[in-house]
């Protein structure tokens, strides 16, 4: 009876480890892609916002409206196209760094979990070879 319980437990752990690995490996690969090509993986809103000044100003009216710093009164002149471009480029760099950071977190989280699942799989696979339930022979 004990051997059957250990065998069942081992098979369950192997199945769970395989399922986790089937999720962890593609997720870690996606994290690597996020780190290496963040413009490709950033969401559509973030990407579109940084395409040109027009879209940037539509998404960030507080940066493009001619307001004086610290006050809610309009300035006489709106920010120049060059200033808006500099703000947009700086904002894009922050968005790309954020996407890379999220990708690195995915790689670490899913990668460590995948390593742990692989170790569990290997250890329990060895145990499965040692503990096989005896099947009664019919005579």
Protein backbone atom coordinates (compact mmCIF):
# COMPACT_ATOMS: atom_id res chain seq x y z
CA UNK A 1 0.00 0.00 0.00
CA UNK A 2 2.77 2.42 0.90
CA UNK A 3 4.57 1.72 -2.38
CA UNK A 4 1.40 2.52 -4.33
CA UNK A 5 0.99 5.83 -2.46
CA UNK A 6 4.64 6.80 -3.10
CA UNK A 7 4.27 5.83 -6.76
CA UNK A 8 1.08 7.91 -7.15
CA UNK A 9 2.67 10.87 -5.36
CA UNK A 10 5.74 10.66 -7.61
CA UNK A 11 3.65 10.53 -10.78
CA UNK A 12 1.60 13.55 -9.64
CA UNK A 13 4.77 15.56 -8.93
CA UNK A 14 6.15 14.62 -12.36
CA UNK A 15 2.96 15.72 -14.12
CA UNK A 16 2.84 19.03 -12.21
CA UNK A 17 6.54 19.66 -12.98
CA UNK A 18 5.96 18.99 -16.68
CA UNK A 19 2.94 21.32 -16.77
CA UNK A 20 4.92 24.04 -15.00
CA UNK A 21 7.83 23.61 -17.40
CA UNK A 22 5.46 23.86 -20.36
CA UNK A 23 4.39 27.26 -19.02
CA UNK A 24 7.75 28.47 -17.66
CA UNK A 25 9.90 27.90 -20.73
CA UNK A 26 7.79 29.97 -23.17
CA UNK A 27 7.29 32.65 -20.51
CA UNK A 28 11.04 32.91 -19.91
CA UNK A 29 11.64 33.05 -23.67
CA UNK A 30 9.07 35.86 -23.90
CA UNK A 31 11.00 37.65 -21.14
CA UNK A 32 14.20 37.34 -23.18
CA UNK A 33 12.38 38.82 -26.17
CA UNK A 34 11.10 41.68 -23.97
CA UNK A 35 14.65 42.43 -22.87
CA UNK A 36 16.17 42.24 -26.34
CA UNK A 37 13.41 43.91 -28.43
CA UNK A 38 11.36 46.10 -26.06
CA UNK A 39 9.81 48.18 -28.86
CA UNK A 40 8.24 45.00 -30.25
CA UNK A 41 6.78 43.87 -26.93
CA UNK A 42 5.57 47.16 -25.45
CA UNK A 43 1.80 47.57 -25.53
CA UNK A 44 0.14 49.32 -28.45
CA UNK A 45 -0.75 52.46 -26.49
CA UNK A 46 2.82 53.00 -25.29
CA UNK A 47 4.26 52.37 -28.73
CA UNK A 48 1.83 54.61 -30.59
CA UNK A 49 2.28 57.41 -28.06
CA UNK A 50 6.00 57.61 -28.87
CA UNK A 51 5.76 57.44 -32.68
CA UNK A 52 5.58 61.19 -33.23
CA UNK A 53 4.86 64.46 -31.43
CA UNK A 54 1.22 64.54 -32.53
CA UNK A 55 0.40 61.21 -30.85
CA UNK A 56 2.57 62.09 -27.86
CA UNK A 57 0.66 65.34 -27.29
CA UNK A 58 -2.69 63.56 -27.68
CA UNK A 59 -1.72 61.08 -24.96
CA UNK A 60 0.06 63.61 -22.72
CA UNK A 61 -1.82 66.87 -22.88
CA UNK A 62 -0.27 68.02 -19.59
CA UNK A 63 3.18 68.05 -21.23
CA UNK A 64 2.12 69.77 -24.41
CA UNK A 65 -0.24 72.44 -23.14
CA UNK A 66 1.41 75.77 -22.56
CA UNK A 67 1.25 75.84 -18.73
CA UNK A 68 3.65 77.54 -16.37
CA UNK A 69 5.55 75.21 -14.01
CA UNK A 70 3.75 74.74 -10.70
CA UNK A 71 0.77 76.89 -11.68
CA UNK A 72 -2.41 76.23 -13.55
CA UNK A 73 -2.22 79.35 -15.69
CA UNK A 74 -1.54 79.19 -19.39
CA UNK A 75 1.72 80.56 -20.73
CA UNK A 76 1.86 82.91 -23.66
CA UNK A 77 3.65 80.45 -25.92
CA UNK A 78 3.28 76.69 -26.16
CA UNK A 79 6.38 74.49 -25.88
CA UNK A 80 8.35 74.35 -29.09
CA UNK A 81 8.36 71.30 -31.33
CA UNK A 82 11.98 70.70 -30.31
CA UNK A 83 11.03 70.69 -26.59
CA UNK A 84 8.14 68.30 -27.22
CA UNK A 85 10.45 66.03 -29.23
CA UNK A 86 12.97 65.99 -26.38
CA UNK A 87 10.20 65.15 -23.88
CA UNK A 88 8.86 62.42 -26.17
CA UNK A 89 12.31 60.85 -26.66
CA UNK A 90 12.99 60.94 -22.91
CA UNK A 91 9.59 59.39 -22.25
CA UNK A 92 10.25 56.67 -24.82
CA UNK A 93 13.57 55.81 -23.18
CA UNK A 94 11.81 55.43 -19.82
CA UNK A 95 9.13 53.23 -21.42
CA UNK A 96 11.80 51.04 -23.06
CA UNK A 97 13.72 50.71 -19.80
CA UNK A 98 10.50 49.73 -18.05
CA UNK A 99 9.76 47.09 -20.69
CA UNK A 100 13.30 45.69 -20.37
CA UNK A 101 12.94 45.57 -16.58
CA UNK A 102 9.64 43.70 -16.86
CA UNK A 103 11.26 41.27 -19.29
CA UNK A 104 14.17 40.69 -16.94
CA UNK A 105 11.72 40.03 -14.10
CA UNK A 106 9.96 37.46 -16.31
CA UNK A 107 13.26 35.75 -17.12
CA UNK A 108 14.29 35.58 -13.47
CA UNK A 109 10.88 34.55 -12.09
CA UNK A 110 10.03 31.95 -14.72
CA UNK A 111 13.64 30.85 -15.09
CA UNK A 112 14.10 30.13 -11.38
CA UNK A 113 10.74 28.38 -11.25
CA UNK A 114 11.70 26.35 -14.31
CA UNK A 115 15.02 25.33 -12.76
CA UNK A 116 13.22 24.29 -9.58
CA UNK A 117 10.63 22.31 -11.59
CA UNK A 118 13.41 20.63 -13.61
CA UNK A 119 15.20 19.61 -10.40
CA UNK A 120 11.94 18.23 -8.99
CA UNK A 121 11.29 16.39 -12.23
CA UNK A 122 14.76 14.85 -12.32
CA UNK A 123 14.70 13.80 -8.65
CA UNK A 124 11.23 12.30 -8.86
CA UNK A 125 11.99 10.59 -12.17
CA UNK A 126 14.85 8.77 -10.48
CA UNK A 127 12.54 7.86 -7.59
CA UNK A 128 9.90 6.57 -10.01
CA UNK A 129 12.42 4.07 -11.39
CA UNK A 130 13.09 2.82 -7.87
CA UNK A 131 9.46 2.56 -6.72
CA UNK A 132 7.30 0.76 -9.20
CA UNK A 133 4.22 -0.97 -7.85
CA UNK A 134 4.18 -4.72 -8.17
CA UNK A 135 1.42 -5.97 -10.41
CA UNK A 136 0.04 -9.34 -9.45
CA UNK A 137 0.58 -12.06 -12.02
CA UNK A 138 -2.42 -14.07 -13.11
CA UNK A 139 -1.86 -17.76 -13.30
